[in-house]
Amino acid sequence: MGYVISFAQQKGGAGKTTALLHLAEAWRLSGKSVGLLDLAPQRTLMSWAEAGGAPGLSVMESAGWRSGTDGRAAAKTYDIVLVDCPGNASSLLEAALRESDLVLVPCQPTGPDVWATTAVLKMAAAARTPARVLLNRVPARGGSTAEAVIKLKQAGATILTSRLGNRVAFSAGLLDGRTAFGIARASVATREVEAARVEIDHVLAAL
């Protein structure tokens, strides 16, 4: 049985789907079988797959009452199932979080992202599903990152040590179905993703 990881964030523009796609490719390159489940009404994962997608990644679509059961069913086939959750608080999101092994919350180091992240963490706690915050689009000079970390910890967040920077490589290839790995296998961007992938593997192993 594989692991189900839900990517959830109620604030738009936090880079949720971009982070998901890059981590999916990192797991695939590490030798894991990876399934992607699109629950978001924007169908970003499906659009990315239709644009070419990465070979070896299976993208599925789900909605409504099937959202939780589809993730668990996919975990019988794949080592890792990554779920792109809808942004709004809903029964669909609650079901996805409840049926996940881990909730990953991408968060930019800004006030609105921190506030939205706190709401997701409360939903994960209500679902009794462990959650981790992944700092995303972190500016090179730090900016308000330290303050955001303090606020997140005050809200009870467990933050991954790994961070994803605000790098052009993360978005550059998505239009034609690529990720940063497809642009340059070895780069600062791909090293950041790989570090996050390894850290998340350790979290899953400890569950």
Protein backbone atom coordinates (compact mmCIF):
# COMPACT_ATOMS: atom_id res chain seq x y z
CA MET A 1 0.00 0.00 0.00
CA GLY A 2 1.39 3.39 -0.99
CA TYR A 3 1.20 6.72 0.77
CA VAL A 4 -1.40 9.38 0.04
CA ILE A 5 -0.21 12.98 0.38
CA SER A 6 -2.70 15.82 -0.02
CA PHE A 7 -1.42 19.22 -1.10
CA ALA A 8 -3.74 21.81 0.42
CA GLN A 9 -3.73 25.59 0.57
CA GLN A 10 -6.74 27.90 0.63
CA LYS A 11 -4.89 30.92 -0.74
CA GLY A 12 -4.45 31.04 -4.49
CA GLY A 13 -0.99 31.68 -5.94
CA ALA A 14 0.93 29.84 -3.22
CA GLY A 15 2.45 27.47 -5.77
CA LYS A 16 0.60 24.39 -4.53
CA THR A 17 0.31 22.58 -7.86
CA THR A 18 3.78 23.60 -9.03
CA ALA A 19 5.32 22.16 -5.85
CA LEU A 20 3.25 18.99 -6.26
CA LEU A 21 4.40 18.45 -9.85
CA HIS A 22 8.07 18.93 -9.02
CA LEU A 23 7.94 16.59 -6.05
CA ALA A 24 6.09 14.04 -8.19
CA GLU A 25 8.91 14.13 -10.72
CA ALA A 26 11.50 13.84 -7.93
CA TRP A 27 9.81 10.71 -6.60
CA ARG A 28 9.54 9.25 -10.10
CA LEU A 29 13.24 9.83 -10.71
CA SER A 30 14.01 8.16 -7.36
CA GLY A 31 12.37 4.98 -8.66
CA LYS A 32 8.93 5.29 -7.07
CA SER A 33 5.68 4.78 -8.95
CA VAL A 34 3.63 7.98 -8.70
CA GLY A 35 -0.05 8.70 -9.23
CA LEU A 36 -1.52 12.20 -9.30
CA LEU A 37 -5.13 12.89 -8.35
CA ASP A 38 -6.71 16.18 -9.44
CA LEU A 39 -9.54 17.43 -7.20
CA ALA A 40 -9.17 21.13 -8.00
CA PRO A 41 -11.92 22.73 -10.13
CA GLN A 42 -9.26 24.49 -12.23
CA ARG A 43 -8.05 21.05 -13.43
CA THR A 44 -4.44 22.28 -13.48
CA LEU A 45 -2.98 18.79 -13.20
CA MET A 46 -5.16 17.52 -16.01
CA SER A 47 -4.23 20.49 -18.20
CA TRP A 48 -0.54 19.87 -17.50
CA ALA A 49 -0.92 16.22 -18.45
CA GLU A 50 -2.74 17.16 -21.64
CA ALA A 51 0.15 19.50 -22.47
CA GLY A 52 2.53 16.56 -22.42
CA GLY A 53 3.14 15.74 -18.79
CA ALA A 54 6.14 13.78 -17.56
CA PRO A 55 6.45 10.20 -18.78
CA GLY A 56 5.82 7.71 -16.02
CA LEU A 57 3.38 9.92 -14.10
CA SER A 58 -0.28 8.91 -14.13
CA VAL A 59 -2.79 11.73 -13.74
CA MET A 60 -6.36 11.00 -12.65
CA GLU A 61 -9.37 13.18 -11.99
CA SER A 62 -11.84 12.84 -9.14
CA ALA A 63 -14.58 14.85 -7.47
CA GLY A 64 -17.45 14.67 -5.03
CA TRP A 65 -17.96 11.64 -2.84
CA ARG A 66 -15.18 9.72 -4.65
CA SER A 67 -12.42 12.09 -3.54
CA GLY A 68 -11.31 10.11 -0.49
CA THR A 69 -11.88 6.61 -1.83
CA ASP A 70 -10.14 7.34 -5.14
CA GLY A 71 -6.96 8.33 -3.32
CA ARG A 72 -6.97 5.15 -1.25
CA ALA A 73 -7.73 3.03 -4.32
CA ALA A 74 -4.80 4.59 -6.20
CA ALA A 75 -2.51 3.83 -3.24
CA LYS A 76 -3.01 0.13 -3.99
CA THR A 77 -1.28 0.68 -7.33
CA TYR A 78 1.26 3.44 -6.70
CA ASP A 79 4.01 3.96 -4.12
CA ILE A 80 3.09 7.64 -3.80
CA VAL A 81 -0.26 9.29 -4.55
CA LEU A 82 -0.27 13.10 -4.61
CA VAL A 83 -3.63 14.82 -4.35
CA ASP A 84 -4.13 18.38 -5.63
CA CYS A 85 -6.89 19.61 -3.32
CA PRO A 86 -9.43 22.36 -4.04
CA GLY A 87 -8.60 25.72 -2.53
CA ASN A 88 -11.89 26.38 -0.79
CA ALA A 89 -12.93 24.78 2.48
CA SER A 90 -15.49 22.13 1.57
CA SER A 91 -16.63 18.59 2.26
CA LEU A 92 -14.46 17.56 -0.72
CA LEU A 93 -11.34 18.99 0.93
CA GLU A 94 -12.28 17.50 4.30
CA ALA A 95 -12.70 14.04 2.76
CA ALA A 96 -9.35 14.28 1.01
CA LEU A 97 -7.54 15.30 4.19
CA ARG A 98 -9.25 12.59 6.22
CA GLU A 99 -8.15 9.84 3.81
CA SER A 100 -4.55 11.05 3.51
CA ASP A 101 -1.44 9.87 5.32
CA LEU A 102 0.07 13.36 5.25
CA VAL A 103 -1.09 16.88 4.43
CA LEU A 104 1.51 19.11 2.79
CA VAL A 105 0.79 22.84 2.92
CA PRO A 106 2.88 25.01 0.56
CA CYS A 107 3.17 28.49 2.05
CA GLN A 108 4.80 31.66 0.77
CA PRO A 109 6.39 33.76 3.53
CA THR A 110 3.63 36.39 3.45
CA GLY A 111 0.87 37.34 5.88
CA PRO A 112 -2.05 36.16 3.71
CA ASP A 113 -0.36 32.81 3.09
CA VAL A 114 0.34 32.31 6.79
CA TRP A 115 -3.29 33.08 7.69
CA ALA A 116 -4.60 30.69 5.04
CA THR A 117 -2.13 28.02 6.13
CA THR A 118 -3.38 28.23 9.71
CA ALA A 119 -6.90 27.44 8.49
CA VAL A 120 -5.68 24.35 6.61
CA LEU A 121 -3.72 23.15 9.63
CA LYS A 122 -6.89 23.34 11.72
CA MET A 123 -8.73 21.23 9.13
CA ALA A 124 -5.92 18.66 9.10
CA ALA A 125 -6.00 18.49 12.89
CA ALA A 126 -9.76 17.95 12.82
CA ALA A 127 -9.21 15.12 10.34
CA ARG A 128 -6.47 13.71 12.61
CA THR A 129 -4.01 13.72 9.73
CA PRO A 130 -0.43 14.90 10.32
CA ALA A 131 0.55 18.04 8.40
CA ARG A 132 3.77 19.72 7.38
CA VAL A 133 4.31 23.21 5.99
CA LEU A 134 6.60 23.60 2.97
CA LEU A 135 7.92 27.15 2.62
CA ASN A 136 7.60 27.98 -1.06
CA ARG A 137 8.69 30.84 -3.33
CA VAL A 138 11.10 31.97 -0.63
CA PRO A 139 12.90 35.15 -1.72
CA ALA A 140 16.67 34.96 -2.09
CA ARG A 141 17.28 37.73 0.45
CA GLY A 142 14.98 36.24 3.05
CA GLY A 143 12.49 39.11 3.19
CA SER A 144 9.77 38.37 5.72
CA THR A 145 10.64 34.65 5.92
CA ALA A 146 11.87 34.71 9.52
CA GLU A 147 8.74 36.53 10.67
CA ALA A 148 6.51 34.09 8.76
CA VAL A 149 8.26 31.15 10.42
CA ILE A 150 7.63 32.67 13.86
CA LYS A 151 3.94 33.20 13.09
CA LEU A 152 3.55 29.68 11.73
CA LYS A 153 5.18 28.11 14.78
CA GLN A 154 2.96 30.19 17.04
CA ALA A 155 0.02 28.64 15.18
CA GLY A 156 1.38 25.17 15.96
CA ALA A 157 2.80 24.44 12.50
CA THR A 158 5.53 21.88 11.91
CA ILE A 159 7.70 23.33 9.16
CA LEU A 160 9.94 21.32 6.88
CA THR A 161 13.59 22.32 6.97
CA SER A 162 13.71 22.18 3.17
CA ARG A 163 12.51 25.23 1.25
CA LEU A 164 11.73 26.01 -2.37
CA GLY A 165 13.04 29.33 -3.63
CA ASN A 166 11.34 31.85 -5.88
CA ARG A 167 12.94 30.47 -9.07
CA VAL A 168 11.97 30.89 -12.73
CA ALA A 169 12.82 27.23 -13.35
CA PHE A 170 9.81 26.09 -11.33
CA SER A 171 7.34 27.65 -13.74
CA ALA A 172 9.31 27.87 -16.99
CA GLY A 173 8.56 24.38 -18.30
CA LEU A 174 5.00 23.86 -17.10
CA LEU A 175 3.33 25.25 -20.22
CA ASP A 176 4.67 22.40 -22.33
CA GLY A 177 4.30 19.68 -19.69
CA ARG A 178 7.78 19.82 -18.18
CA THR A 179 9.24 20.58 -14.77
CA ALA A 180 12.59 22.05 -13.73
CA PHE A 181 14.00 18.52 -14.03
CA GLY A 182 13.18 18.58 -17.73
CA ILE A 183 15.02 21.87 -18.20
CA ALA A 184 18.18 20.95 -16.31
CA ARG A 185 18.44 17.76 -14.29
CA ALA A 186 21.04 19.33 -11.97
CA SER A 187 20.30 22.88 -10.84
CA VAL A 188 19.64 24.84 -7.66
CA ALA A 189 15.91 24.37 -8.23
CA THR A 190 16.08 20.59 -8.64
CA ARG A 191 18.40 20.27 -5.64
CA GLU A 192 15.85 22.11 -3.51
CA VAL A 193 13.07 19.79 -4.68
CA GLU A 194 15.19 16.70 -4.09
CA ALA A 195 16.02 17.85 -0.56
CA ALA A 196 12.31 18.31 0.14
CA ARG A 197 11.53 14.89 -1.32
CA VAL A 198 14.11 13.19 0.94
CA GLU A 199 12.84 15.02 4.02
CA ILE A 200 9.22 14.10 3.27
CA ASP A 201 10.28 10.46 2.82
CA HIS A 202 11.70 10.56 6.34
CA VAL A 203 8.42 12.02 7.64
CA LEU A 204 6.42 9.25 5.94
CA ALA A 205 8.73 6.56 7.30
CA ALA A 206 8.14 7.85 10.83
CA LEU A 207 4.33 7.85 10.60
